[in-house]
C-alpha atoms as a PDB file:
ATOM      1  CA  UNK A   1      -1.729  51.761 -73.038  1.00  0.00           C
ATOM      2  CA  UNK A   2       0.449  52.629 -70.720  1.00  0.00           C
ATOM      3  CA  UNK A   3      -1.449  51.429 -67.537  1.00  0.00           C
ATOM      4  CA  UNK A   4      -1.896  47.876 -68.975  1.00  0.00           C
ATOM      5  CA  UNK A   5       2.132  47.599 -69.562  1.00  0.00           C
ATOM      6  CA  UNK A   6       2.501  48.589 -65.769  1.00  0.00           C
ATOM      7  CA  UNK A   7       0.017  46.093 -64.505  1.00  0.00           C
ATOM      8  CA  UNK A   8       2.280  43.460 -66.685  1.00  0.00           C
ATOM      9  CA  UNK A   9       5.551  44.191 -65.880  1.00  0.00           C
ATOM     10  CA  UNK A  10       6.210  41.001 -63.518  1.00  0.00           C
ATOM     11  CA  UNK A  11       5.147  38.665 -66.872  1.00  0.00           C
ATOM     12  CA  UNK A  12       2.360  36.917 -65.223  1.00  0.00           C
ATOM     13  CA  UNK A  13      -1.186  36.414 -66.716  1.00  0.00           C
ATOM     14  CA  UNK A  14      -3.935  39.022 -64.664  1.00  0.00           C
ATOM     15  CA  UNK A  15      -5.959  36.474 -63.764  1.00  0.00           C
ATOM     16  CA  UNK A  16      -2.906  34.689 -61.520  1.00  0.00           C
ATOM     17  CA  UNK A  17      -2.438  38.473 -60.089  1.00  0.00           C
ATOM     18  CA  UNK A  18      -6.036  38.614 -58.851  1.00  0.00           C
ATOM     19  CA  UNK A  19      -5.858  35.156 -57.573  1.00  0.00           C
ATOM     20  CA  UNK A  20      -2.613  35.951 -55.898  1.00  0.00           C
ATOM     21  CA  UNK A  21      -3.987  39.493 -54.319  1.00  0.00           C
ATOM     22  CA  UNK A  22      -7.421  36.964 -52.838  1.00  0.00           C
ATOM     23  CA  UNK A  23      -4.747  34.818 -50.863  1.00  0.00           C
ATOM     24  CA  UNK A  24      -2.941  37.408 -49.796  1.00  0.00           C
ATOM     25  CA  UNK A  25      -6.670  39.147 -48.344  1.00  0.00           C
ATOM     26  CA  UNK A  26      -7.783  35.628 -47.051  1.00  0.00           C
ATOM     27  CA  UNK A  27      -4.254  35.165 -45.427  1.00  0.00           C
ATOM     28  CA  UNK A  28      -4.386  38.907 -43.707  1.00  0.00           C
ATOM     29  CA  UNK A  29      -7.862  37.717 -42.782  1.00  0.00           C
ATOM     30  CA  UNK A  30      -7.131  34.602 -40.732  1.00  0.00           C
ATOM     31  CA  UNK A  31      -4.222  36.271 -39.374  1.00  0.00           C
ATOM     32  CA  UNK A  32      -6.324  38.627 -37.348  1.00  0.00           C
ATOM     33  CA  UNK A  33      -8.875  35.938 -36.142  1.00  0.00           C
ATOM     34  CA  UNK A  34      -7.543  33.646 -33.289  1.00  0.00           C
ATOM     35  CA  UNK A  35      -6.677  29.818 -33.805  1.00  0.00           C
ATOM     36  CA  UNK A  36      -8.124  27.674 -31.282  1.00  0.00           C
ATOM     37  CA  UNK A  37      -6.367  24.651 -30.754  1.00  0.00           C
ATOM     38  CA  UNK A  38      -7.607  21.319 -29.409  1.00  0.00           C
ATOM     39  CA  UNK A  39      -7.178  20.272 -26.271  1.00  0.00           C
ATOM     40  CA  UNK A  40      -4.811  17.819 -25.356  1.00  0.00           C
ATOM     41  CA  UNK A  41      -6.024  14.154 -24.988  1.00  0.00           C
ATOM     42  CA  UNK A  42      -5.614  12.968 -21.028  1.00  0.00           C
ATOM     43  CA  UNK A  43      -3.167  10.106 -21.471  1.00  0.00           C
ATOM     44  CA  UNK A  44      -3.703   7.894 -18.657  1.00  0.00           C
ATOM     45  CA  UNK A  45      -0.447   5.497 -17.658  1.00  0.00           C
ATOM     46  CA  UNK A  46      -1.620   2.205 -17.514  1.00  0.00           C
ATOM     47  CA  UNK A  47       0.352   1.152 -14.077  1.00  0.00           C
ATOM     48  CA  UNK A  48      -1.505   4.057 -12.447  1.00  0.00           C
ATOM     49  CA  UNK A  49      -4.923   2.362 -13.336  1.00  0.00           C
ATOM     50  CA  UNK A  50      -2.905  -0.760 -12.052  1.00  0.00           C
ATOM     51  CA  UNK A  51      -1.973   0.950  -8.536  1.00  0.00           C
ATOM     52  CA  UNK A  52      -5.926   2.457  -9.245  1.00  0.00           C
ATOM     53  CA  UNK A  53      -7.502  -0.665  -8.979  1.00  0.00           C
ATOM     54  CA  UNK A  54      -5.247  -2.102  -6.140  1.00  0.00           C
ATOM     55  CA  UNK A  55      -5.919   0.210  -4.111  1.00  0.00           C
ATOM     56  CA  UNK A  56     -10.044   0.184  -4.687  1.00  0.00           C
ATOM     57  CA  UNK A  57      -9.531  -3.932  -3.722  1.00  0.00           C
ATOM     58  CA  UNK A  58      -7.524  -2.463  -0.686  1.00  0.00           C
ATOM     59  CA  UNK A  59      -9.866  -0.663   0.352  1.00  0.00           C
ATOM     60  CA  UNK A  60     -13.309  -2.773   0.164  1.00  0.00           C
ATOM     61  CA  UNK A  61     -11.344  -6.036   1.500  1.00  0.00           C
ATOM     62  CA  UNK A  62      -9.880  -3.815   4.605  1.00  0.00           C
ATOM     63  CA  UNK A  63     -13.302  -2.084   5.307  1.00  0.00           C
ATOM     64  CA  UNK A  64     -15.288  -5.681   5.814  1.00  0.00           C
ATOM     65  CA  UNK A  65     -12.182  -6.435   8.617  1.00  0.00           C
ATOM     66  CA  UNK A  66     -12.967  -3.076  10.109  1.00  0.00           C
ATOM     67  CA  UNK A  67     -16.605  -2.705  10.156  1.00  0.00           C
ATOM     68  CA  UNK A  68     -16.259  -6.699  11.454  1.00  0.00           C
ATOM     69  CA  UNK A  69     -14.056  -5.894  14.526  1.00  0.00           C
ATOM     70  CA  UNK A  70     -15.876  -2.454  15.025  1.00  0.00           C
ATOM     71  CA  UNK A  71     -19.400  -3.452  15.493  1.00  0.00           C
ATOM     72  CA  UNK A  72     -18.461  -6.808  17.070  1.00  0.00           C
ATOM     73  CA  UNK A  73     -18.162  -6.059  20.926  1.00  0.00           C
ATOM     74  CA  UNK A  74     -16.808  -9.664  21.865  1.00  0.00           C
ATOM     75  CA  UNK A  75     -13.840  -8.496  19.395  1.00  0.00           C
ATOM     76  CA  UNK A  76     -11.863  -6.303  21.709  1.00  0.00           C
ATOM     77  CA  UNK A  77      -8.760  -8.342  22.979  1.00  0.00           C
ATOM     78  CA  UNK A  78      -5.213  -7.507  22.216  1.00  0.00           C
ATOM     79  CA  UNK A  79      -5.319  -9.672  19.129  1.00  0.00           C
ATOM     80  CA  UNK A  80      -8.033  -8.454  17.243  1.00  0.00           C
ATOM     81  CA  UNK A  81      -6.913  -4.781  18.141  1.00  0.00           C
ATOM     82  CA  UNK A  82      -4.060  -5.200  16.386  1.00  0.00           C
ATOM     83  CA  UNK A  83      -5.636  -6.838  13.218  1.00  0.00           C
ATOM     84  CA  UNK A  84      -8.318  -3.592  13.249  1.00  0.00           C
ATOM     85  CA  UNK A  85      -5.200  -1.287  13.302  1.00  0.00           C
ATOM     86  CA  UNK A  86      -3.310  -3.555  10.539  1.00  0.00           C
ATOM     87  CA  UNK A  87      -7.070  -2.910   8.658  1.00  0.00           C
ATOM     88  CA  UNK A  88      -7.407   0.261   9.124  1.00  0.00           C
ATOM     89  CA  UNK A  89      -3.696   1.260   7.936  1.00  0.00           C
ATOM     90  CA  UNK A  90      -4.406  -0.748   4.856  1.00  0.00           C
ATOM     91  CA  UNK A  91      -7.592   1.039   3.663  1.00  0.00           C
ATOM     92  CA  UNK A  92      -6.146   4.283   4.021  1.00  0.00           C
ATOM     93  CA  UNK A  93      -3.132   3.132   2.103  1.00  0.00           C
ATOM     94  CA  UNK A  94      -5.994   1.871  -0.542  1.00  0.00           C
ATOM     95  CA  UNK A  95      -7.447   5.439  -0.127  1.00  0.00           C
ATOM     96  CA  UNK A  96      -4.568   7.106  -0.684  1.00  0.00           C
ATOM     97  CA  UNK A  97      -3.684   5.068  -3.999  1.00  0.00           C
ATOM     98  CA  UNK A  98      -7.262   6.141  -5.478  1.00  0.00           C
ATOM     99  CA  UNK A  99      -6.512   9.577  -4.266  1.00  0.00           C
ATOM    100  CA  UNK A 100      -3.299   9.903  -5.955  1.00  0.00           C
ATOM    101  CA  UNK A 101      -5.146   8.598  -8.925  1.00  0.00           C
ATOM    102  CA  UNK A 102      -7.535  10.972  -8.880  1.00  0.00           C
ATOM    103  CA  UNK A 103      -5.573  14.214  -8.215  1.00  0.00           C
ATOM    104  CA  UNK A 104      -2.610  13.370 -10.678  1.00  0.00           C
ATOM    105  CA  UNK A 105      -5.128  13.217 -13.446  1.00  0.00           C
ATOM    106  CA  UNK A 106      -8.080  16.030 -12.260  1.00  0.00           C
ATOM    107  CA  UNK A 107      -6.551  17.991  -9.597  1.00  0.00           C
ATOM    108  CA  UNK A 108      -2.814  18.644  -9.874  1.00  0.00           C
ATOM    109  CA  UNK A 109      -0.993  20.951  -7.554  1.00  0.00           C
ATOM    110  CA  UNK A 110       1.628  21.212  -4.870  1.00  0.00           C
ATOM    111  CA  UNK A 111      -0.954  20.546  -2.395  1.00  0.00           C
ATOM    112  CA  UNK A 112      -2.495  17.741  -3.336  1.00  0.00           C
ATOM    113  CA  UNK A 113       0.841  16.303  -4.326  1.00  0.00           C
ATOM    114  CA  UNK A 114       2.220  16.420  -0.713  1.00  0.00           C
ATOM    115  CA  UNK A 115      -0.988  15.409   1.067  1.00  0.00           C
ATOM    116  CA  UNK A 116      -1.414  12.508  -0.910  1.00  0.00           C
ATOM    117  CA  UNK A 117       2.093  10.995  -0.300  1.00  0.00           C
ATOM    118  CA  UNK A 118       2.227  11.870   3.293  1.00  0.00           C
ATOM    119  CA  UNK A 119      -0.970   9.869   3.522  1.00  0.00           C
ATOM    120  CA  UNK A 120       0.574   6.830   1.589  1.00  0.00           C
ATOM    121  CA  UNK A 121       3.431   7.117   3.835  1.00  0.00           C
ATOM    122  CA  UNK A 122       1.740   7.425   6.942  1.00  0.00           C
ATOM    123  CA  UNK A 123      -0.484   4.049   5.671  1.00  0.00           C
ATOM    124  CA  UNK A 124       1.759   1.886   4.607  1.00  0.00           C
ATOM    125  CA  UNK A 125       4.185   2.566   7.797  1.00  0.00           C
ATOM    126  CA  UNK A 126       1.449   2.187  10.015  1.00  0.00           C
ATOM    127  CA  UNK A 127       0.759  -1.229   8.259  1.00  0.00           C
ATOM    128  CA  UNK A 128       4.247  -2.510   8.534  1.00  0.00           C
ATOM    129  CA  UNK A 129       4.631  -1.081  12.358  1.00  0.00           C
ATOM    130  CA  UNK A 130       1.606  -3.522  13.039  1.00  0.00           C
ATOM    131  CA  UNK A 131       2.640  -6.341  11.183  1.00  0.00           C
ATOM    132  CA  UNK A 132       5.217  -5.801  13.967  1.00  0.00           C
ATOM    133  CA  UNK A 133       3.030  -5.406  16.380  1.00  0.00           C
ATOM    134  CA  UNK A 134       1.095  -8.429  15.506  1.00  0.00           C
ATOM    135  CA  UNK A 135       4.550 -10.051  15.627  1.00  0.00           C
ATOM    136  CA  UNK A 136       5.349  -9.211  19.332  1.00  0.00           C
ATOM    137  CA  UNK A 137       1.653 -10.082  20.568  1.00  0.00           C
ATOM    138  CA  UNK A 138       1.899 -13.329  19.277  1.00  0.00           C
ATOM    139  CA  UNK A 139       4.983 -13.993  20.377  1.00  0.00           C
ATOM    140  CA  UNK A 140       3.921 -12.834  24.032  1.00  0.00           C
ATOM    141  CA  UNK A 141       0.982 -14.735  23.897  1.00  0.00           C
ATOM    142  CA  UNK A 142       3.026 -17.857  23.397  1.00  0.00           C
ATOM    143  CA  UNK A 143       6.001 -17.014  25.757  1.00  0.00           C
ATOM    144  CA  UNK A 144       4.133 -15.678  28.674  1.00  0.00           C
ATOM    145  CA  UNK A 145       1.336 -18.017  28.119  1.00  0.00           C
ATOM    146  CA  UNK A 146       0.081 -17.896  31.496  1.00  0.00           C
ATOM    147  CA  UNK A 147       0.063 -13.838  32.053  1.00  0.00           C
ATOM    148  CA  UNK A 148      -1.068 -13.204  28.612  1.00  0.00           C
ATOM    149  CA  UNK A 149      -4.723 -12.318  29.317  1.00  0.00           C
ATOM    150  CA  UNK A 150      -4.262  -9.823  31.937  1.00  0.00           C
ATOM    151  CA  UNK A 151      -4.555  -5.778  32.533  1.00  0.00           C
ATOM    152  CA  UNK A 152      -1.180  -5.591  31.809  1.00  0.00           C
ATOM    153  CA  UNK A 153      -1.007  -6.987  28.091  1.00  0.00           C
ATOM    154  CA  UNK A 154      -4.468  -5.022  27.182  1.00  0.00           C
ATOM    155  CA  UNK A 155      -2.683  -1.533  28.544  1.00  0.00           C
ATOM    156  CA  UNK A 156       0.492  -2.769  26.812  1.00  0.00           C
ATOM    157  CA  UNK A 157      -1.148  -2.989  23.297  1.00  0.00           C
ATOM    158  CA  UNK A 158      -2.841   0.448  23.681  1.00  0.00           C
ATOM    159  CA  UNK A 159       1.297   1.443  24.042  1.00  0.00           C
ATOM    160  CA  UNK A 160       2.042   0.110  21.102  1.00  0.00           C
ATOM    161  CA  UNK A 161      -0.885   1.273  19.386  1.00  0.00           C
ATOM    162  CA  UNK A 162      -0.429   4.847  20.314  1.00  0.00           C
ATOM    163  CA  UNK A 163       3.588   4.446  19.176  1.00  0.00           C
ATOM    164  CA  UNK A 164       3.203   3.327  15.933  1.00  0.00           C
ATOM    165  CA  UNK A 165       0.271   5.307  14.830  1.00  0.00           C
ATOM    166  CA  UNK A 166       2.265   8.565  16.335  1.00  0.00           C
ATOM    167  CA  UNK A 167       5.022   7.629  14.786  1.00  0.00           C
ATOM    168  CA  UNK A 168       3.853   7.197  10.920  1.00  0.00           C
ATOM    169  CA  UNK A 169       1.611  10.249  11.289  1.00  0.00           C
ATOM    170  CA  UNK A 170       5.074  11.597  12.181  1.00  0.00           C
ATOM    171  CA  UNK A 171       6.739   9.779   8.844  1.00  0.00           C
ATOM    172  CA  UNK A 172       3.873  11.194   6.620  1.00  0.00           C
ATOM    173  CA  UNK A 173       4.017  14.838   8.166  1.00  0.00           C
ATOM    174  CA  UNK A 174       7.656  15.091   6.758  1.00  0.00           C
ATOM    175  CA  UNK A 175       7.035  15.682   3.209  1.00  0.00           C
ATOM    176  CA  UNK A 176       4.263  18.287   3.878  1.00  0.00           C
ATOM    177  CA  UNK A 177       5.838  20.434   6.730  1.00  0.00           C
ATOM    178  CA  UNK A 178       8.829  21.044   4.335  1.00  0.00           C
ATOM    179  CA  UNK A 179      10.893  17.769   3.439  1.00  0.00           C
ATOM    180  CA  UNK A 180      10.197  17.372  -0.160  1.00  0.00           C
ATOM    181  CA  UNK A 181      11.729  18.031  -3.235  1.00  0.00           C
ATOM    182  CA  UNK A 182       9.712  20.095  -5.051  1.00  0.00           C
ATOM    183  CA  UNK A 183      11.704  23.419  -5.265  1.00  0.00           C
ATOM    184  CA  UNK A 184      15.296  20.993  -5.678  1.00  0.00           C
ATOM    185  CA  UNK A 185      14.443  17.735  -7.992  1.00  0.00           C
ATOM    186  CA  UNK A 186      17.904  17.016  -7.594  1.00  0.00           C
ATOM    187  CA  UNK A 187      17.357  15.271  -3.704  1.00  0.00           C
ATOM    188  CA  UNK A 188      14.216  13.863  -5.404  1.00  0.00           C
ATOM    189  CA  UNK A 189      13.904   9.451  -4.915  1.00  0.00           C
ATOM    190  CA  UNK A 190      11.723   6.969  -7.241  1.00  0.00           C
ATOM    191  CA  UNK A 191       8.767   8.443  -5.558  1.00  0.00           C
ATOM    192  CA  UNK A 192       8.775  12.476  -5.754  1.00  0.00           C
ATOM    193  CA  UNK A 193       8.046  14.445  -3.689  1.00  0.00           C
ATOM    194  CA  UNK A 194       9.973  12.253  -1.620  1.00  0.00           C
ATOM    195  CA  UNK A 195      13.333  13.306  -0.882  1.00  0.00           C
ATOM    196  CA  UNK A 196      16.084  10.367  -0.901  1.00  0.00           C
ATOM    197  CA  UNK A 197      16.804  10.783   2.236  1.00  0.00           C
ATOM    198  CA  UNK A 198      13.439  10.465   3.315  1.00  0.00           C
ATOM    199  CA  UNK A 199      13.262   7.023   1.262  1.00  0.00           C
ATOM    200  CA  UNK A 200      16.398   6.234   3.311  1.00  0.00           C
ATOM    201  CA  UNK A 201      15.196   6.418   6.448  1.00  0.00           C
ATOM    202  CA  UNK A 202      12.001   4.476   5.586  1.00  0.00           C
ATOM    203  CA  UNK A 203      13.917   1.631   3.533  1.00  0.00           C
ATOM    204  CA  UNK A 204      16.261   1.190   6.612  1.00  0.00           C
ATOM    205  CA  UNK A 205      13.653   1.001   9.084  1.00  0.00           C
ATOM    206  CA  UNK A 206      11.527  -1.202   7.042  1.00  0.00           C
ATOM    207  CA  UNK A 207      15.137  -3.375   7.119  1.00  0.00           C
ATOM    208  CA  UNK A 208      15.453  -3.121  11.382  1.00  0.00           C
ATOM    209  CA  UNK A 209      11.889  -4.530  11.456  1.00  0.00           C
ATOM    210  CA  UNK A 210      12.166  -7.147   9.104  1.00  0.00           C
ATOM    211  CA  UNK A 211      15.377  -8.668  11.077  1.00  0.00           C
ATOM    212  CA  UNK A 212      13.334  -8.117  14.429  1.00  0.00           C
ATOM    213  CA  UNK A 213      10.388 -10.130  12.900  1.00  0.00           C
ATOM    214  CA  UNK A 214      12.536 -12.588  11.435  1.00  0.00           C
ATOM    215  CA  UNK A 215      14.337 -12.854  15.016  1.00  0.00           C
ATOM    216  CA  UNK A 216      10.839 -13.139  16.367  1.00  0.00           C
ATOM    217  CA  UNK A 217       9.544 -15.516  14.475  1.00  0.00           C
ATOM    218  CA  UNK A 218      12.305 -18.236  15.008  1.00  0.00           C
ATOM    219  CA  UNK A 219      11.853 -17.793  18.691  1.00  0.00           C
ATOM    220  CA  UNK A 220       7.522 -18.618  17.697  1.00  0.00           C
ATOM    221  CA  UNK A 221       9.229 -21.247  15.834  1.00  0.00           C
ATOM    222  CA  UNK A 222      10.609 -22.945  18.207  1.00  0.00           C
ATOM    223  CA  UNK A 223       8.099 -22.235  21.163  1.00  0.00           C
ATOM    224  CA  UNK A 224       6.024 -23.484  18.772  1.00  0.00           C
ATOM    225  CA  UNK A 225       7.564 -27.049  18.035  1.00  0.00           C
ATOM    226  CA  UNK A 226       8.056 -27.176  22.061  1.00  0.00           C
ATOM    227  CA  UNK A 227       4.072 -26.801  22.761  1.00  0.00           C
ATOM    228  CA  UNK A 228       3.641 -29.514  19.873  1.00  0.00           C
ATOM    229  CA  UNK A 229       5.963 -32.185  21.369  1.00  0.00           C
ATOM    230  CA  UNK A 230       4.641 -31.543  24.883  1.00  0.00           C
ATOM    231  CA  UNK A 231       0.992 -31.894  23.596  1.00  0.00           C
ATOM    232  CA  UNK A 232       2.128 -34.709  21.469  1.00  0.00           C
ATOM    233  CA  UNK A 233       3.389 -36.478  24.923  1.00  0.00           C
ATOM    234  CA  UNK A 234       0.612 -35.835  26.918  1.00  0.00           C
ATOM    235  CA  UNK A 235      -2.044 -37.065  24.423  1.00  0.00           C
ATOM    236  CA  UNK A 236       0.125 -39.825  23.170  1.00  0.00           C
ATOM    237  CA  UNK A 237       0.208 -39.332  20.352  1.00  0.00           C
ATOM    238  CA  UNK A 238       2.507 -40.879  17.273  1.00  0.00           C
ATOM    239  CA  UNK A 239       5.675 -39.541  16.010  1.00  0.00           C
ATOM    240  CA  UNK A 240       3.825 -38.665  12.541  1.00  0.00           C
ATOM    241  CA  UNK A 241       1.240 -36.682  14.028  1.00  0.00           C
ATOM    242  CA  UNK A 242       3.532 -34.539  16.089  1.00  0.00           C
ATOM    243  CA  UNK A 243       5.382 -33.625  13.044  1.00  0.00           C
ATOM    244  CA  UNK A 244       2.938 -32.831  10.551  1.00  0.00           C
ATOM    245  CA  UNK A 245       1.398 -30.397  13.696  1.00  0.00           C
ATOM    246  CA  UNK A 246       4.960 -29.180  13.660  1.00  0.00           C
ATOM    247  CA  UNK A 247       5.627 -28.947   9.914  1.00  0.00           C
ATOM    248  CA  UNK A 248       2.094 -27.256   9.365  1.00  0.00           C
ATOM    249  CA  UNK A 249       2.687 -24.648  11.923  1.00  0.00           C
ATOM    250  CA  UNK A 250       5.971 -23.690  10.595  1.00  0.00           C
ATOM    251  CA  UNK A 251       5.029 -23.865   6.940  1.00  0.00           C
ATOM    252  CA  UNK A 252       2.512 -20.899   8.174  1.00  0.00           C
ATOM    253  CA  UNK A 253       5.440 -19.324   9.323  1.00  0.00           C
ATOM    254  CA  UNK A 254       7.208 -19.225   6.705  1.00  0.00           C
ATOM    255  CA  UNK A 255       4.595 -18.155   4.860  1.00  0.00           C
ATOM    256  CA  UNK A 256       3.748 -14.976   6.547  1.00  0.00           C
ATOM    257  CA  UNK A 257       7.260 -14.153   6.949  1.00  0.00           C
ATOM    258  CA  UNK A 258       8.269 -14.898   3.225  1.00  0.00           C
ATOM    259  CA  UNK A 259       4.919 -13.305   2.288  1.00  0.00           C
ATOM    260  CA  UNK A 260       5.850 -10.162   3.780  1.00  0.00           C
ATOM    261  CA  UNK A 261       9.156 -10.200   2.548  1.00  0.00           C
ATOM    262  CA  UNK A 262       8.286 -11.066  -1.154  1.00  0.00           C
ATOM    263  CA  UNK A 263       6.224  -7.936  -1.295  1.00  0.00           C
ATOM    264  CA  UNK A 264       8.323  -5.288   0.411  1.00  0.00           C
ATOM    265  CA  UNK A 265      11.606  -6.309  -0.448  1.00  0.00           C
ATOM    266  CA  UNK A 266      12.090  -5.265  -3.724  1.00  0.00           C
ATOM    267  CA  UNK A 267      11.310  -1.820  -3.030  1.00  0.00           C
ATOM    268  CA  UNK A 268      12.849  -1.249  -0.287  1.00  0.00           C
ATOM    269  CA  UNK A 269      16.359  -2.349  -1.581  1.00  0.00           C
ATOM    270  CA  UNK A 270      15.371   0.091  -5.499  1.00  0.00           C
ATOM    271  CA  UNK A 271      14.607   3.345  -2.989  1.00  0.00           C
ATOM    272  CA  UNK A 272      17.876   2.777  -1.231  1.00  0.00           C
ATOM    273  CA  UNK A 273      19.911   2.583  -4.637  1.00  0.00           C
ATOM    274  CA  UNK A 274      17.882   4.593  -7.398  1.00  0.00           C
ATOM    275  CA  UNK A 275      16.814   8.443  -7.553  1.00  0.00           C
ATOM    276  CA  UNK A 276      14.628  10.313  -9.747  1.00  0.00           C
ATOM    277  CA  UNK A 277      16.699   9.714 -12.559  1.00  0.00           C
ATOM    278  CA  UNK A 278      16.367   6.005 -13.055  1.00  0.00           C
ATOM    279  CA  UNK A 279      13.002   4.819 -15.537  1.00  0.00           C
ATOM    280  CA  UNK A 280       9.742   4.751 -14.008  1.00  0.00           C
ATOM    281  CA  UNK A 281       8.767   1.743 -15.279  1.00  0.00           C
ATOM    282  CA  UNK A 282      11.105   0.421 -12.031  1.00  0.00           C
ATOM    283  CA  UNK A 283       9.381   2.345  -9.347  1.00  0.00           C
ATOM    284  CA  UNK A 284       6.029   0.535 -10.754  1.00  0.00           C
ATOM    285  CA  UNK A 285       7.291  -2.540 -11.071  1.00  0.00           C
ATOM    286  CA  UNK A 286       8.498  -2.634  -7.688  1.00  0.00           C
ATOM    287  CA  UNK A 287       5.881  -0.718  -5.864  1.00  0.00           C
ATOM    288  CA  UNK A 288       3.224  -2.411  -7.106  1.00  0.00           C
ATOM    289  CA  UNK A 289       4.149  -5.760  -5.416  1.00  0.00           C
ATOM    290  CA  UNK A 290       4.193  -4.138  -1.798  1.00  0.00           C
ATOM    291  CA  UNK A 291       0.916  -2.915  -2.476  1.00  0.00           C
ATOM    292  CA  UNK A 292      -0.240  -6.482  -2.872  1.00  0.00           C
ATOM    293  CA  UNK A 293       0.822  -6.986   0.814  1.00  0.00           C
ATOM    294  CA  UNK A 294      -2.053  -5.079   1.861  1.00  0.00           C
ATOM    295  CA  UNK A 295      -4.445  -7.377   0.013  1.00  0.00           C
ATOM    296  CA  UNK A 296      -2.919 -10.538   1.338  1.00  0.00           C
ATOM    297  CA  UNK A 297      -2.823  -9.126   5.124  1.00  0.00           C
ATOM    298  CA  UNK A 298      -6.787 -10.129   5.520  1.00  0.00           C
ATOM    299  CA  UNK A 299      -6.041 -13.275   3.991  1.00  0.00           C
ATOM    300  CA  UNK A 300      -3.389 -14.304   6.661  1.00  0.00           C
ATOM    301  CA  UNK A 301      -4.355 -12.405   9.541  1.00  0.00           C
ATOM    302  CA  UNK A 302      -8.166 -11.677   9.501  1.00  0.00           C
ATOM    303  CA  UNK A 303     -10.403 -14.099   7.337  1.00  0.00           C
ATOM    304  CA  UNK A 304      -8.219 -17.015   9.001  1.00  0.00           C
ATOM    305  CA  UNK A 305      -8.688 -16.048  12.709  1.00  0.00           C
ATOM    306  CA  UNK A 306     -11.701 -18.262  13.497  1.00  0.00           C
ATOM    307  CA  UNK A 307     -13.500 -15.287  15.621  1.00  0.00           C
ATOM    308  CA  UNK A 308     -13.754 -12.985  12.757  1.00  0.00           C
ATOM    309  CA  UNK A 309     -15.041 -16.256  10.621  1.00  0.00           C
ATOM    310  CA  UNK A 310     -17.857 -16.527  12.987  1.00  0.00           C
ATOM    311  CA  UNK A 311     -18.752 -13.200  13.016  1.00  0.00           C
ATOM    312  CA  UNK A 312     -18.459 -12.651   8.992  1.00  0.00           C
ATOM    313  CA  UNK A 313     -21.064 -15.720   8.951  1.00  0.00           C
ATOM    314  CA  UNK A 314     -23.451 -14.199  11.499  1.00  0.00           C
ATOM    315  CA  UNK A 315     -23.196 -10.990   8.794  1.00  0.00           C
ATOM    316  CA  UNK A 316     -23.453 -12.870   5.954  1.00  0.00           C
ATOM    317  CA  UNK A 317     -26.176 -15.852   6.508  1.00  0.00           C
ATOM    318  CA  UNK A 318     -26.766 -14.969  10.691  1.00  0.00           C
ATOM    319  CA  UNK A 319     -25.526 -18.320  11.622  1.00  0.00           C
ATOM    320  CA  UNK A 320     -22.342 -19.961  12.251  1.00  0.00           C
ATOM    321  CA  UNK A 321     -21.337 -23.262  10.386  1.00  0.00           C
ATOM    322  CA  UNK A 322     -21.014 -26.553  12.420  1.00  0.00           C
ATOM    323  CA  UNK A 323     -17.054 -26.699  11.132  1.00  0.00           C
ATOM    324  CA  UNK A 324     -16.064 -23.647  12.649  1.00  0.00           C
ATOM    325  CA  UNK A 325     -18.244 -24.160  16.431  1.00  0.00           C
ATOM    326  CA  UNK A 326     -16.731 -27.516  16.624  1.00  0.00           C
ATOM    327  CA  UNK A 327     -13.370 -26.487  15.302  1.00  0.00           C
ATOM    328  CA  UNK A 328     -10.514 -26.451  17.994  1.00  0.00           C
ATOM    329  CA  UNK A 329      -7.127 -24.504  18.140  1.00  0.00           C
ATOM    330  CA  UNK A 330      -3.707 -26.187  17.117  1.00  0.00           C
ATOM    331  CA  UNK A 331      -0.604 -25.336  18.171  1.00  0.00           C
ATOM    332  CA  UNK A 332       0.183 -24.553  14.269  1.00  0.00           C
ATOM    333  CA  UNK A 333      -2.540 -21.954  14.110  1.00  0.00           C
ATOM    334  CA  UNK A 334      -0.246 -19.380  15.133  1.00  0.00           C
END
């Protein structure tokens, strides 16, 4: 009797107490068993997918140009060497975008970040420098038309290639050699791990090269107009024909320079005024058009070229269309 009273002092039924005891035992057992939490799902940023897709298209397109120039011995003139340099730089830029996507989601480490950003900076720098070198070559081919096809021009082209690739490689090595913001996030730019100062130097350098390209294309435009006028007088063309030819040449130059500015100017200006505290969507929105420039470059500089068109047709179908073999170069083909 005393034992029953002691057990029921709590005022609870016996079966309830037994159930509570069972729950306490199960809780004690579960506390000793390690809990396996499900692994978090890998969330992929859609912007990164778009950049990786852009990099794939860049790589495939420019790989075709590189292979055509490399396997065709007749394409060794200074102009084709510079076009090949541009295609190689854009090819490396596309590979860099693909590697950046792979490393960002599958192999995350400080070393991979530095190597990837170094490759991207070096390749895009070489691409922009190659565009400037092509502009210089076009200006020299028109201004020094009589002496352009000489050994001096070939030597000058090799010097430009060595300088532009040497400079680009040095810029790409800066983050790897220690000029990065991995240790001090407050110095980061819109592209981590580039520092704000590094991004500012790249942006100012781009603006300088753009101003130089603009000046050279203005001079090229004047030369094209003068040459078209002289050809019209020599062949007794009508003023309308001269106007059409000149307008086509000017339009081509405007498209080339306008495309370059539209692709790179938004990201360049944004890099100057923004830092790591700005929303990443602005970085993606301005960086993506810059990658499109590497997609457009082969169309403007390579696939429009008559000799490259012939080489491509020989590779694809083993013949040269009559429209290409009979086409003459005009002053608007700049």
